[in-house]
Amino acid sequence: VINDCHPDNKISVLEKALYDQYIEPLEKLALSDWRGILTNLPK
């Protein structure tokens, strides 16, 4: 219940944020150019 709020577990919040920002949009793509698929990721 409280793991994500533990001061030593900020990494889990980062993973949730990055997944939401980068992975969910990728799941909707159907591109044939793999470089195009990667353009949304951090540089």
Full PDB file with SEQRES, HELIX, SHEET, SSBOND, CRYST1, ORIGX, SCALE, CONECT and MASTER records, all heavy atoms in Angstrom:
SEQRES   1 A   43  VAL ILE ASN ASP CYS HIS PRO ASP ASN LYS ILE SER VAL          
SEQRES   2 A   43  LEU GLU LYS ALA LEU TYR ASP GLN TYR ILE GLU PRO LEU          
SEQRES   3 A   43  GLU LYS LEU ALA LEU SER ASP TRP ARG GLY ILE LEU THR          
SEQRES   4 A   43  ASN LEU PRO LYS                                              
HELIX    1 AA1 ASN A    3  CYS A    5  5                                   3    
HELIX    2 AA2 PRO A    7  ASN A    9  5                                   3    
HELIX    3 AA3 LYS A   10  LEU A   18  1                                   9    
HELIX    4 AA4 TYR A   19  ILE A   23  3                                   5    
HELIX    5 AA5 GLU A   24  GLU A   27  1                                   4    
HELIX    6 AA6 TRP A   34  LEU A   38  1                                   5    
CRYST1    1.000    1.000    1.000  90.00  90.00  90.00 P 1           1          
ORIGX1      1.000000  0.000000  0.000000        0.00000                         
ORIGX2      0.000000  1.000000  0.000000        0.00000                         
ORIGX3      0.000000  0.000000  1.000000        0.00000                         
SCALE1      1.000000  0.000000  0.000000        0.00000                         
SCALE2      0.000000  1.000000  0.000000        0.00000                         
SCALE3      0.000000  0.000000  1.000000        0.00000                         
ATOM      1  N   VAL A   1       0.828  -1.204   0.000  1.00  0.00           N  
ATOM      2  CA  VAL A   1       0.000   0.000   0.000  1.00  0.00           C  
ATOM      3  C   VAL A   1       0.864   1.256   0.000  1.00  0.00           C  
ATOM      4  O   VAL A   1       0.537   2.250  -0.656  1.00  0.00           O  
ATOM      5  CB  VAL A   1      -0.960  -0.005   1.216  1.00  0.00           C  
ATOM      6  CG1 VAL A   1      -1.658   1.344   1.364  1.00  0.00           C  
ATOM      7  CG2 VAL A   1      -1.981  -1.119   1.089  1.00  0.00           C  
ATOM      8  N   ILE A   2       1.988   1.213   0.707  1.00  0.00           N  
ATOM      9  CA  ILE A   2       2.793   2.427   0.886  1.00  0.00           C  
ATOM     10  C   ILE A   2       4.169   2.361   0.218  1.00  0.00           C  
ATOM     11  O   ILE A   2       4.942   3.312   0.307  1.00  0.00           O  
ATOM     12  CB  ILE A   2       2.955   2.746   2.391  1.00  0.00           C  
ATOM     13  CG1 ILE A   2       3.537   1.551   3.190  1.00  0.00           C  
ATOM     14  CG2 ILE A   2       1.617   3.138   2.991  1.00  0.00           C  
ATOM     15  CD1 ILE A   2       5.015   1.482   3.202  1.00  0.00           C  
ATOM     16  N   ASN A   3       4.480   1.271  -0.471  1.00  0.00           N  
ATOM     17  CA  ASN A   3       5.825   1.113  -1.042  1.00  0.00           C  
ATOM     18  C   ASN A   3       6.235   2.268  -1.955  1.00  0.00           C  
ATOM     19  O   ASN A   3       7.372   2.744  -1.904  1.00  0.00           O  
ATOM     20  CB  ASN A   3       5.923  -0.201  -1.820  1.00  0.00           C  
ATOM     21  CG  ASN A   3       6.190  -1.381  -0.910  1.00  0.00           C  
ATOM     22  OD1 ASN A   3       6.431  -1.222   0.276  1.00  0.00           O  
ATOM     23  ND2 ASN A   3       6.132  -2.582  -1.468  1.00  0.00           N  
ATOM     24  N   ASP A   4       5.316   2.724  -2.805  1.00  0.00           N  
ATOM     25  CA  ASP A   4       5.663   3.800  -3.741  1.00  0.00           C  
ATOM     26  C   ASP A   4       5.896   5.123  -3.027  1.00  0.00           C  
ATOM     27  O   ASP A   4       6.446   6.060  -3.620  1.00  0.00           O  
ATOM     28  CB  ASP A   4       4.580   3.970  -4.807  1.00  0.00           C  
ATOM     29  CG  ASP A   4       4.665   2.923  -5.898  1.00  0.00           C  
ATOM     30  OD1 ASP A   4       5.665   2.171  -5.919  1.00  0.00           O  
ATOM     31  OD2 ASP A   4       3.735   2.841  -6.724  1.00  0.00           O  
ATOM     32  N   CYS A   5       5.454   5.235  -1.781  1.00  0.00           N  
ATOM     33  CA  CYS A   5       5.664   6.459  -1.009  1.00  0.00           C  
ATOM     34  C   CYS A   5       6.881   6.359  -0.097  1.00  0.00           C  
ATOM     35  O   CYS A   5       7.189   7.316   0.620  1.00  0.00           O  
ATOM     36  CB  CYS A   5       4.420   6.773  -0.172  1.00  0.00           C  
ATOM     37  SG  CYS A   5       3.149   7.643  -1.109  1.00  0.00           S  
ATOM     38  N   HIS A   6       7.543   5.216  -0.103  1.00  0.00           N  
ATOM     39  CA  HIS A   6       8.722   5.088   0.760  1.00  0.00           C  
ATOM     40  C   HIS A   6       9.829   5.993   0.220  1.00  0.00           C  
ATOM     41  O   HIS A   6      10.104   5.995  -0.982  1.00  0.00           O  
ATOM     42  CB  HIS A   6       9.207   3.641   0.806  1.00  0.00           C  
ATOM     43  CG  HIS A   6      10.106   3.360   1.967  1.00  0.00           C  
ATOM     44  ND1 HIS A   6      11.381   3.869   2.043  1.00  0.00           N  
ATOM     45  CD2 HIS A   6       9.909   2.655   3.117  1.00  0.00           C  
ATOM     46  CE1 HIS A   6      11.942   3.475   3.169  1.00  0.00           C  
ATOM     47  NE2 HIS A   6      11.071   2.746   3.851  1.00  0.00           N  
ATOM     48  N   PRO A   7      10.468   6.789   1.090  1.00  0.00           N  
ATOM     49  CA  PRO A   7      11.514   7.709   0.619  1.00  0.00           C  
ATOM     50  C   PRO A   7      12.646   7.023  -0.143  1.00  0.00           C  
ATOM     51  O   PRO A   7      13.292   7.648  -0.987  1.00  0.00           O  
ATOM     52  CB  PRO A   7      12.041   8.335   1.919  1.00  0.00           C  
ATOM     53  CG  PRO A   7      10.922   8.192   2.894  1.00  0.00           C  
ATOM     54  CD  PRO A   7      10.230   6.903   2.538  1.00  0.00           C  
ATOM     55  N   ASP A   8      12.875   5.742   0.146  1.00  0.00           N  
ATOM     56  CA  ASP A   8      13.950   5.016  -0.543  1.00  0.00           C  
ATOM     57  C   ASP A   8      13.482   4.330  -1.817  1.00  0.00           C  
ATOM     58  O   ASP A   8      14.238   3.543  -2.404  1.00  0.00           O  
ATOM     59  CB  ASP A   8      14.567   3.968   0.407  1.00  0.00           C  
ATOM     60  CG  ASP A   8      15.292   4.600   1.573  1.00  0.00           C  
ATOM     61  OD1 ASP A   8      15.729   5.757   1.429  1.00  0.00           O  
ATOM     62  OD2 ASP A   8      15.415   3.952   2.627  1.00  0.00           O  
ATOM     63  N   ASN A   9      12.254   4.604  -2.233  1.00  0.00           N  
ATOM     64  CA  ASN A   9      11.714   3.893  -3.400  1.00  0.00           C  
ATOM     65  C   ASN A   9      11.243   4.854  -4.486  1.00  0.00           C  
ATOM     66  O   ASN A   9      10.285   4.587  -5.197  1.00  0.00           O  
ATOM     67  CB  ASN A   9      10.553   2.984  -2.973  1.00  0.00           C  
ATOM     68  CG  ASN A   9      10.216   1.957  -4.036  1.00  0.00           C  
ATOM     69  OD1 ASN A   9      11.059   1.597  -4.856  1.00  0.00           O  
ATOM     70  ND2 ASN A   9       8.991   1.475  -4.034  1.00  0.00           N  
ATOM     71  N   LYS A  10      11.940   5.971  -4.631  1.00  0.00           N  
ATOM     72  CA  LYS A  10      11.561   6.924  -5.681  1.00  0.00           C  
ATOM     73  C   LYS A  10      11.759   6.339  -7.072  1.00  0.00           C  
ATOM     74  O   LYS A  10      11.127   6.781  -8.038  1.00  0.00           O  
ATOM     75  CB  LYS A  10      12.368   8.211  -5.536  1.00  0.00           C  
ATOM     76  CG  LYS A  10      11.964   9.049  -4.325  1.00  0.00           C  
ATOM     77  CD  LYS A  10      12.708  10.376  -4.296  1.00  0.00           C  
ATOM     78  CE  LYS A  10      12.241  11.235  -3.129  1.00  0.00           C  
ATOM     79  NZ  LYS A  10      12.908  12.548  -3.102  1.00  0.00           N  
ATOM     80  N   ILE A  11      12.615   5.338  -7.190  1.00  0.00           N  
ATOM     81  CA  ILE A  11      12.886   4.743  -8.496  1.00  0.00           C  
ATOM     82  C   ILE A  11      11.618   4.146  -9.099  1.00  0.00           C  
ATOM     83  O   ILE A  11      11.407   4.192 -10.310  1.00  0.00           O  
ATOM     84  CB  ILE A  11      14.012   3.681  -8.411  1.00  0.00           C  
ATOM     85  CG1 ILE A  11      14.457   3.252  -9.805  1.00  0.00           C  
ATOM     86  CG2 ILE A  11      13.587   2.491  -7.584  1.00  0.00           C  
ATOM     87  CD1 ILE A  11      15.174   4.323 -10.569  1.00  0.00           C  
ATOM     88  N   SER A  12      10.727   3.603  -8.249  1.00  0.00           N  
ATOM     89  CA  SER A  12       9.491   3.011  -8.772  1.00  0.00           C  
ATOM     90  C   SER A  12       8.588   4.087  -9.377  1.00  0.00           C  
ATOM     91  O   SER A  12       7.875   3.844 -10.349  1.00  0.00           O  
ATOM     92  CB  SER A  12       8.741   2.240  -7.681  1.00  0.00           C  
ATOM     93  OG  SER A  12       8.127   3.118  -6.772  1.00  0.00           O  
ATOM     94  N   VAL A  13       8.623   5.304  -8.785  1.00  0.00           N  
ATOM     95  CA  VAL A  13       7.837   6.409  -9.329  1.00  0.00           C  
ATOM     96  C   VAL A  13       8.401   6.815 -10.689  1.00  0.00           C  
ATOM     97  O   VAL A  13       7.658   7.070 -11.642  1.00  0.00           O  
ATOM     98  CB  VAL A  13       7.835   7.609  -8.366  1.00  0.00           C  
ATOM     99  CG1 VAL A  13       6.950   8.727  -8.923  1.00  0.00           C  
ATOM    100  CG2 VAL A  13       7.348   7.195  -6.985  1.00  0.00           C  
ATOM    101  N   LEU A  14       9.723   6.859 -10.784  1.00  0.00           N  
ATOM    102  CA  LEU A  14      10.356   7.183 -12.065  1.00  0.00           C  
ATOM    103  C   LEU A  14       9.973   6.168 -13.132  1.00  0.00           C  
ATOM    104  O   LEU A  14       9.680   6.531 -14.271  1.00  0.00           O  
ATOM    105  CB  LEU A  14      11.876   7.213 -11.905  1.00  0.00           C  
ATOM    106  CG  LEU A  14      12.485   8.430 -11.220  1.00  0.00           C  
ATOM    107  CD1 LEU A  14      13.997   8.272 -11.155  1.00  0.00           C  
ATOM    108  CD2 LEU A  14      12.122   9.706 -11.947  1.00  0.00           C  
ATOM    109  N   GLU A  15       9.991   4.898 -12.773  1.00  0.00           N  
ATOM    110  CA  GLU A  15       9.664   3.850 -13.748  1.00  0.00           C  
ATOM    111  C   GLU A  15       8.212   3.990 -14.219  1.00  0.00           C  
ATOM    112  O   GLU A  15       7.919   3.822 -15.405  1.00  0.00           O  
ATOM    113  CB  GLU A  15       9.925   2.474 -13.153  1.00  0.00           C  
ATOM    114  CG  GLU A  15      11.419   2.172 -13.004  1.00  0.00           C  
ATOM    115  CD  GLU A  15      11.687   0.835 -12.342  1.00  0.00           C  
ATOM    116  OE1 GLU A  15      10.710   0.132 -11.985  1.00  0.00           O  
ATOM    117  OE2 GLU A  15      12.870   0.486 -12.171  1.00  0.00           O  
ATOM    118  N   LYS A  16       7.306   4.293 -13.287  1.00  0.00           N  
ATOM    119  CA  LYS A  16       5.903   4.505 -13.667  1.00  0.00           C  
ATOM    120  C   LYS A  16       5.786   5.687 -14.634  1.00  0.00           C  
ATOM    121  O   LYS A  16       5.081   5.633 -15.640  1.00  0.00           O  
ATOM    122  CB  LYS A  16       5.058   4.787 -12.425  1.00  0.00           C  
ATOM    123  CG  LYS A  16       4.748   3.602 -11.541  1.00  0.00           C  
ATOM    124  CD  LYS A  16       3.980   4.058 -10.311  1.00  0.00           C  
ATOM    125  CE  LYS A  16       3.749   2.947  -9.312  1.00  0.00           C  
ATOM    126  NZ  LYS A  16       2.751   1.976  -9.753  1.00  0.00           N  
ATOM    127  N   ALA A  17       6.509   6.766 -14.303  1.00  0.00           N  
ATOM    128  CA  ALA A  17       6.436   7.979 -15.122  1.00  0.00           C  
ATOM    129  C   ALA A  17       6.997   7.735 -16.517  1.00  0.00           C  
ATOM    130  O   ALA A  17       6.404   8.149 -17.524  1.00  0.00           O  
ATOM    131  CB  ALA A  17       7.190   9.112 -14.435  1.00  0.00           C  
ATOM    132  N   LEU A  18       8.143   7.077 -16.579  1.00  0.00           N  
ATOM    133  CA  LEU A  18       8.764   6.821 -17.872  1.00  0.00           C  
ATOM    134  C   LEU A  18       7.932   5.856 -18.714  1.00  0.00           C  
ATOM    135  O   LEU A  18       7.829   6.003 -19.933  1.00  0.00           O  
ATOM    136  CB  LEU A  18      10.183   6.279 -17.674  1.00  0.00           C  
ATOM    137  CG  LEU A  18      11.186   7.282 -17.083  1.00  0.00           C  
ATOM    138  CD1 LEU A  18      12.506   6.595 -16.778  1.00  0.00           C  
ATOM    139  CD2 LEU A  18      11.407   8.462 -18.020  1.00  0.00           C  
ATOM    140  N   TYR A  19       7.344   4.857 -18.047  1.00  0.00           N  
ATOM    141  CA  TYR A  19       6.491   3.914 -18.773  1.00  0.00           C  
ATOM    142  C   TYR A  19       5.303   4.656 -19.383  1.00  0.00           C  
ATOM    143  O   TYR A  19       4.966   4.473 -20.558  1.00  0.00           O  
ATOM    144  CB  TYR A  19       5.992   2.814 -17.830  1.00  0.00           C  
ATOM    145  CG  TYR A  19       5.312   1.670 -18.543  1.00  0.00           C  
ATOM    146  CD1 TYR A  19       6.013   0.532 -18.906  1.00  0.00           C  
ATOM    147  CD2 TYR A  19       3.967   1.741 -18.891  1.00  0.00           C  
ATOM    148  CE1 TYR A  19       5.394  -0.511 -19.581  1.00  0.00           C  
ATOM    149  CE2 TYR A  19       3.336   0.718 -19.559  1.00  0.00           C  
ATOM    150  CZ  TYR A  19       4.059  -0.414 -19.908  1.00  0.00           C  
ATOM    151  OH  TYR A  19       3.436  -1.433 -20.581  1.00  0.00           O  
ATOM    152  N   ASP A  20       4.679   5.499 -18.554  1.00  0.00           N  
ATOM    153  CA  ASP A  20       3.504   6.237 -19.022  1.00  0.00           C  
ATOM    154  C   ASP A  20       3.865   7.175 -20.173  1.00  0.00           C  
ATOM    155  O   ASP A  20       3.116   7.322 -21.141  1.00  0.00           O  
ATOM    156  CB  ASP A  20       2.920   7.042 -17.851  1.00  0.00           C  
ATOM    157  CG  ASP A  20       1.659   7.788 -18.249  1.00  0.00           C  
ATOM    158  OD1 ASP A  20       0.580   7.153 -18.258  1.00  0.00           O  
ATOM    159  OD2 ASP A  20       1.734   8.991 -18.548  1.00  0.00           O  
ATOM    160  N   GLN A  21       5.027   7.802 -20.071  1.00  0.00           N  
ATOM    161  CA  GLN A  21       5.415   8.797 -21.072  1.00  0.00           C  
ATOM    162  C   GLN A  21       5.916   8.169 -22.371  1.00  0.00           C  
ATOM    163  O   GLN A  21       5.656   8.690 -23.456  1.00  0.00           O  
ATOM    164  CB  GLN A  21       6.505   9.707 -20.496  1.00  0.00           C  
ATOM    165  CG  GLN A  21       6.909  10.845 -21.428  1.00  0.00           C  
ATOM    166  CD  GLN A  21       7.880  11.807 -20.777  1.00  0.00           C  
ATOM    167  OE1 GLN A  21       8.180  11.708 -19.581  1.00  0.00           O  
ATOM    168  NE2 GLN A  21       8.390  12.743 -21.543  1.00  0.00           N  
ATOM    169  N   TYR A  22       6.627   7.039 -22.251  1.00  0.00           N  
ATOM    170  CA  TYR A  22       7.299   6.493 -23.436  1.00  0.00           C  
ATOM    171  C   TYR A  22       6.750   5.159 -23.935  1.00  0.00           C  
ATOM    172  O   TYR A  22       6.683   4.928 -25.138  1.00  0.00           O  
ATOM    173  CB  TYR A  22       8.789   6.337 -23.149  1.00  0.00           C  
ATOM    174  CG  TYR A  22       9.478   7.653 -22.885  1.00  0.00           C  
ATOM    175  CD1 TYR A  22       9.994   7.954 -21.622  1.00  0.00           C  
ATOM    176  CD2 TYR A  22       9.608   8.610 -23.876  1.00  0.00           C  
ATOM    177  CE1 TYR A  22      10.615   9.176 -21.368  1.00  0.00           C  
ATOM    178  CE2 TYR A  22      10.222   9.832 -23.637  1.00  0.00           C  
ATOM    179  CZ  TYR A  22      10.725  10.100 -22.377  1.00  0.00           C  
ATOM    180  OH  TYR A  22      11.334  11.312 -22.138  1.00  0.00           O  
ATOM    181  N   ILE A  23       6.368   4.272 -23.005  1.00  0.00           N  
ATOM    182  CA  ILE A  23       5.977   2.935 -23.437  1.00  0.00           C  
ATOM    183  C   ILE A  23       4.540   2.886 -23.941  1.00  0.00           C  
ATOM    184  O   ILE A  23       4.263   2.289 -24.981  1.00  0.00           O  
ATOM    185  CB  ILE A  23       6.172   1.916 -22.294  1.00  0.00           C  
ATOM    186  CG1 ILE A  23       7.644   1.873 -21.879  1.00  0.00           C  
ATOM    187  CG2 ILE A  23       5.705   0.529 -22.729  1.00  0.00           C  
ATOM    188  CD1 ILE A  23       8.598   1.486 -22.986  1.00  0.00           C  
ATOM    189  N   GLU A  24       3.606   3.495 -23.231  1.00  0.00           N  
ATOM    190  CA  GLU A  24       2.206   3.430 -23.658  1.00  0.00           C  
ATOM    191  C   GLU A  24       2.005   3.966 -25.083  1.00  0.00           C  
ATOM    192  O   GLU A  24       1.294   3.351 -25.878  1.00  0.00           O  
ATOM    193  CB  GLU A  24       1.307   4.161 -22.661  1.00  0.00           C  
ATOM    194  CG  GLU A  24       1.148   3.387 -21.356  1.00  0.00           C  
ATOM    195  CD  GLU A  24       0.048   3.925 -20.476  1.00  0.00           C  
ATOM    196  OE1 GLU A  24      -0.603   4.915 -20.881  1.00  0.00           O  
ATOM    197  OE2 GLU A  24      -0.161   3.367 -19.396  1.00  0.00           O  
ATOM    198  N   PRO A  25       2.631   5.092 -25.455  1.00  0.00           N  
ATOM    199  CA  PRO A  25       2.488   5.539 -26.851  1.00  0.00           C  
ATOM    200  C   PRO A  25       3.078   4.534 -27.852  1.00  0.00           C  
ATOM    201  O   PRO A  25       2.545   4.368 -28.953  1.00  0.00           O  
ATOM    202  CB  PRO A  25       3.267   6.859 -26.889  1.00  0.00           C  
ATOM    203  CG  PRO A  25       3.228   7.357 -25.484  1.00  0.00           C  
ATOM    204  CD  PRO A  25       3.314   6.116 -24.646  1.00  0.00           C  
ATOM    205  N   LEU A  26       4.169   3.867 -27.457  1.00  0.00           N  
ATOM    206  CA  LEU A  26       4.797   2.897 -28.368  1.00  0.00           C  
ATOM    207  C   LEU A  26       3.879   1.719 -28.651  1.00  0.00           C  
ATOM    208  O   LEU A  26       3.912   1.140 -29.739  1.00  0.00           O  
ATOM    209  CB  LEU A  26       6.110   2.378 -27.764  1.00  0.00           C  
ATOM    210  CG  LEU A  26       7.295   3.349 -27.738  1.00  0.00           C  
ATOM    211  CD1 LEU A  26       8.477   2.690 -27.052  1.00  0.00           C  
ATOM    212  CD2 LEU A  26       7.674   3.783 -29.138  1.00  0.00           C  
ATOM    213  N   GLU A  27       3.061   1.334 -27.644  1.00  0.00           N  
ATOM    214  CA  GLU A  27       2.183   0.180 -27.829  1.00  0.00           C  
ATOM    215  C   GLU A  27       1.137   0.418 -28.917  1.00  0.00           C  
ATOM    216  O   GLU A  27       0.556  -0.522 -29.454  1.00  0.00           O  
ATOM    217  CB  GLU A  27       1.489  -0.150 -26.502  1.00  0.00           C  
ATOM    218  CG  GLU A  27       2.453  -0.667 -25.440  1.00  0.00           C  
ATOM    219  CD  GLU A  27       1.770  -0.914 -24.110  1.00  0.00           C  
ATOM    220  OE1 GLU A  27       0.828  -0.170 -23.797  1.00  0.00           O  
ATOM    221  OE2 GLU A  27       2.171  -1.844 -23.399  1.00  0.00           O  
ATOM    222  N   LYS A  28       0.912   1.670 -29.266  1.00  0.00           N  
ATOM    223  CA  LYS A  28      -0.107   2.010 -30.264  1.00  0.00           C  
ATOM    224  C   LYS A  28       0.479   2.182 -31.655  1.00  0.00           C  
ATOM    225  O   LYS A  28      -0.253   2.384 -32.619  1.00  0.00           O  
ATOM    226  CB  LYS A  28      -0.825   3.300 -29.843  1.00  0.00           C  
ATOM    227  CG  LYS A  28      -1.497   3.191 -28.479  1.00  0.00           C  
ATOM    228  CD  LYS A  28      -2.019   4.541 -28.009  1.00  0.00           C  
ATOM    229  CE  LYS A  28      -2.596   4.454 -26.613  1.00  0.00           C  
ATOM    230  NZ  LYS A  28      -3.034   5.771 -26.095  1.00  0.00           N  
ATOM    231  N   LEU A  29       1.807   2.109 -31.768  1.00  0.00           N  
ATOM    232  CA  LEU A  29       2.447   2.329 -33.055  1.00  0.00           C  
ATOM    233  C   LEU A  29       2.564   1.039 -33.864  1.00  0.00           C  
ATOM    234  O   LEU A  29       2.746  -0.042 -33.315  1.00  0.00           O  
ATOM    235  CB  LEU A  29       3.846   2.925 -32.866  1.00  0.00           C  
ATOM    236  CG  LEU A  29       3.925   4.334 -32.283  1.00  0.00           C  
ATOM    237  CD1 LEU A  29       5.383   4.737 -32.108  1.00  0.00           C  
ATOM    238  CD2 LEU A  29       3.214   5.335 -33.178  1.00  0.00           C  
ATOM    239  N   ALA A  30       2.493   1.154 -35.151  1.00  0.00           N  
ATOM    240  CA  ALA A  30       2.726   0.025 -36.053  1.00  0.00           C  
ATOM    241  C   ALA A  30       3.591   0.536 -37.198  1.00  0.00           C  
ATOM    242  O   ALA A  30       3.136   0.697 -38.325  1.00  0.00           O  
ATOM    243  CB  ALA A  30       1.408  -0.538 -36.552  1.00  0.00           C  
ATOM    244  N   LEU A  31       4.839   0.825 -36.888  1.00  0.00           N  
ATOM    245  CA  LEU A  31       5.740   1.404 -37.883  1.00  0.00           C  
ATOM    246  C   LEU A  31       6.704   0.356 -38.426  1.00  0.00           C  
ATOM    247  O   LEU A  31       7.099  -0.568 -37.730  1.00  0.00           O  
ATOM    248  CB  LEU A  31       6.549   2.544 -37.240  1.00  0.00           C  
ATOM    249  CG  LEU A  31       5.732   3.692 -36.630  1.00  0.00           C  
ATOM    250  CD1 LEU A  31       6.660   4.696 -35.965  1.00  0.00           C  
ATOM    251  CD2 LEU A  31       4.911   4.383 -37.716  1.00  0.00           C  
ATOM    252  N   SER A  32       7.078   0.510 -39.656  1.00  0.00           N  
ATOM    253  CA  SER A  32       8.041  -0.421 -40.248  1.00  0.00           C  
ATOM    254  C   SER A  32       9.472   0.076 -40.073  1.00  0.00           C  
ATOM    255  O   SER A  32      10.423  -0.666 -40.297  1.00  0.00           O  
ATOM    256  CB  SER A  32       7.739  -0.601 -41.746  1.00  0.00           C  
ATOM    257  OG  SER A  32       7.784   0.659 -42.406  1.00  0.00           O  
ATOM    258  N   ASP A  33       9.629   1.317 -39.680  1.00  0.00           N  
ATOM    259  CA  ASP A  33      10.961   1.904 -39.483  1.00  0.00           C  
ATOM    260  C   ASP A  33      11.283   1.906 -37.996  1.00  0.00           C  
ATOM    261  O   ASP A  33      10.688   2.659 -37.229  1.00  0.00           O  
ATOM    262  CB  ASP A  33      10.968   3.333 -40.037  1.00  0.00           C  
ATOM    263  CG  ASP A  33      12.278   4.065 -39.740  1.00  0.00           C  
ATOM    264  OD1 ASP A  33      13.266   3.388 -39.387  1.00  0.00           O  
ATOM    265  OD2 ASP A  33      12.295   5.303 -39.866  1.00  0.00           O  
ATOM    266  N   TRP A  34      12.229   1.067 -37.562  1.00  0.00           N  
ATOM    267  CA  TRP A  34      12.476   0.974 -36.113  1.00  0.00           C  
ATOM    268  C   TRP A  34      13.075   2.255 -35.555  1.00  0.00           C  
ATOM    269  O   TRP A  34      12.894   2.580 -34.392  1.00  0.00           O  
ATOM    270  CB  TRP A  34      13.329  -0.242 -35.765  1.00  0.00           C  
ATOM    271  CG  TRP A  34      14.673  -0.374 -36.411  1.00  0.00           C  
ATOM    272  CD1 TRP A  34      14.983  -1.163 -37.476  1.00  0.00           C  
ATOM    273  CD2 TRP A  34      15.891   0.256 -36.019  1.00  0.00           C  
ATOM    274  NE1 TRP A  34      16.307  -1.057 -37.791  1.00  0.00           N  
ATOM    275  CE2 TRP A  34      16.898  -0.197 -36.897  1.00  0.00           C  
ATOM    276  CE3 TRP A  34      16.246   1.155 -35.025  1.00  0.00           C  
ATOM    277  CZ2 TRP A  34      18.221   0.220 -36.812  1.00  0.00           C  
ATOM    278  CZ3 TRP A  34      17.558   1.576 -34.926  1.00  0.00           C  
ATOM    279  CH2 TRP A  34      18.529   1.109 -35.813  1.00  0.00           C  
ATOM    280  N   ARG A  35      13.765   3.015 -36.391  1.00  0.00           N  
ATOM    281  CA  ARG A  35      14.267   4.311 -35.906  1.00  0.00           C  
ATOM    282  C   ARG A  35      13.107   5.253 -35.578  1.00  0.00           C  
ATOM    283  O   ARG A  35      13.166   6.032 -34.637  1.00  0.00           O  
ATOM    284  CB  ARG A  35      15.194   4.947 -36.945  1.00  0.00           C  
ATOM    285  CG  ARG A  35      16.555   4.275 -37.039  1.00  0.00           C  
ATOM    286  CD  ARG A  35      17.430   4.942 -38.085  1.00  0.00           C  
ATOM    287  NE  ARG A  35      18.744   4.332 -38.171  1.00  0.00           N  
ATOM    288  CZ  ARG A  35      19.022   3.218 -38.822  1.00  0.00           C  
ATOM    289  NH1 ARG A  35      18.039   2.576 -39.446  1.00  0.00           N  
ATOM    290  NH2 ARG A  35      20.244   2.735 -38.849  1.00  0.00           N  
ATOM    291  N   GLY A  36      12.045   5.156 -36.370  1.00  0.00           N  
ATOM    292  CA  GLY A  36      10.862   5.962 -36.109  1.00  0.00           C  
ATOM    293  C   GLY A  36      10.196   5.590 -34.793  1.00  0.00           C  
ATOM    294  O   GLY A  36       9.681   6.448 -34.077  1.00  0.00           O  
ATOM    295  N   ILE A  37      10.216   4.296 -34.470  1.00  0.00           N  
ATOM    296  CA  ILE A  37       9.628   3.850 -33.208  1.00  0.00           C  
ATOM    297  C   ILE A  37      10.387   4.432 -32.021  1.00  0.00           C  
ATOM    298  O   ILE A  37       9.804   4.741 -30.985  1.00  0.00           O  
ATOM    299  CB  ILE A  37       9.632   2.302 -33.141  1.00  0.00           C  
ATOM    300  CG1 ILE A  37       8.736   1.730 -34.249  1.00  0.00           C  
ATOM    301  CG2 ILE A  37       9.154   1.813 -31.769  1.00  0.00           C  
ATOM    302  CD1 ILE A  37       8.741   0.224 -34.339  1.00  0.00           C  
ATOM    303  N   LEU A  38      11.688   4.617 -32.176  1.00  0.00           N  
ATOM    304  CA  LEU A  38      12.523   5.065 -31.061  1.00  0.00           C  
ATOM    305  C   LEU A  38      12.548   6.580 -30.874  1.00  0.00           C  
ATOM    306  O   LEU A  38      13.085   7.069 -29.880  1.00  0.00           O  
ATOM    307  CB  LEU A  38      13.960   4.570 -31.260  1.00  0.00           C  
ATOM    308  CG  LEU A  38      14.168   3.043 -31.247  1.00  0.00           C  
ATOM    309  CD1 LEU A  38      15.601   2.707 -31.596  1.00  0.00           C  
ATOM    310  CD2 LEU A  38      13.798   2.471 -29.886  1.00  0.00           C  
ATOM    311  N   THR A  39      11.971   7.321 -31.803  1.00  0.00           N  
ATOM    312  CA  THR A  39      12.108   8.782 -31.742  1.00  0.00           C  
ATOM    313  C   THR A  39      11.461   9.403 -30.504  1.00  0.00           C  
ATOM    314  O   THR A  39      11.823  10.507 -30.099  1.00  0.00           O  
ATOM    315  CB  THR A  39      11.509   9.457 -32.987  1.00  0.00           C  
ATOM    316  OG1 THR A  39      10.149   9.013 -33.159  1.00  0.00           O  
ATOM    317  CG2 THR A  39      12.314   9.113 -34.225  1.00  0.00           C  
ATOM    318  N   ASN A  40      10.516   8.714 -29.885  1.00  0.00           N  
ATOM    319  CA  ASN A  40       9.839   9.269 -28.718  1.00  0.00           C  
ATOM    320  C   ASN A  40      10.636   9.090 -27.420  1.00  0.00           C  
ATOM    321  O   ASN A  40      10.291   9.674 -26.395  1.00  0.00           O  
ATOM    322  CB  ASN A  40       8.457   8.603 -28.560  1.00  0.00           C  
ATOM    323  CG  ASN A  40       7.599   9.280 -27.518  1.00  0.00           C  
ATOM    324  OD1 ASN A  40       7.475  10.494 -27.522  1.00  0.00           O  
ATOM    325  ND2 ASN A  40       7.032   8.502 -26.605  1.00  0.00           N  
ATOM    326  N   LEU A  41      11.671   8.261 -27.465  1.00  0.00           N  
ATOM    327  CA  LEU A  41      12.440   7.967 -26.251  1.00  0.00           C  
ATOM    328  C   LEU A  41      13.372   9.129 -25.901  1.00  0.00           C  
ATOM    329  O   LEU A  41      13.678   9.976 -26.751  1.00  0.00           O  
ATOM    330  CB  LEU A  41      13.267   6.695 -26.452  1.00  0.00           C  
ATOM    331  CG  LEU A  41      12.475   5.401 -26.649  1.00  0.00           C  
ATOM    332  CD1 LEU A  41      13.435   4.247 -26.923  1.00  0.00           C  
ATOM    333  CD2 LEU A  41      11.607   5.092 -25.446  1.00  0.00           C  
ATOM    334  N   PRO A  42      13.850   9.173 -24.626  1.00  0.00           N  
ATOM    335  CA  PRO A  42      14.849  10.196 -24.267  1.00  0.00           C  
ATOM    336  C   PRO A  42      16.036  10.125 -25.211  1.00  0.00           C  
ATOM    337  O   PRO A  42      16.475   9.031 -25.586  1.00  0.00           O  
ATOM    338  CB  PRO A  42      15.244   9.800 -22.837  1.00  0.00           C  
ATOM    339  CG  PRO A  42      14.085   9.020 -22.312  1.00  0.00           C  
ATOM    340  CD  PRO A  42      13.512   8.295 -23.487  1.00  0.00           C  
ATOM    341  N   LYS A  43      16.578  11.265 -25.608  1.00  0.00           N  
ATOM    342  CA  LYS A  43      17.621  11.318 -26.634  1.00  0.00           C  
ATOM    343  C   LYS A  43      18.829  10.428 -26.335  1.00  0.00           C  
ATOM    344  O   LYS A  43      19.304   9.698 -27.223  1.00  0.00           O  
ATOM    345  CB  LYS A  43      18.073  12.766 -26.851  1.00  0.00           C  
ATOM    346  CG  LYS A  43      16.985  13.683 -27.403  1.00  0.00           C  
ATOM    347  CD  LYS A  43      16.475  13.206 -28.751  1.00  0.00           C  
ATOM    348  CE  LYS A  43      15.398  14.137 -29.291  1.00  0.00           C  
ATOM    349  NZ  LYS A  43      14.810  13.625 -30.557  1.00  0.00           N  
TER     350      LYS A  43                                                      
MASTER        0    0    0    6    0    0    0    6  349    1    0    4          
END                                                                             
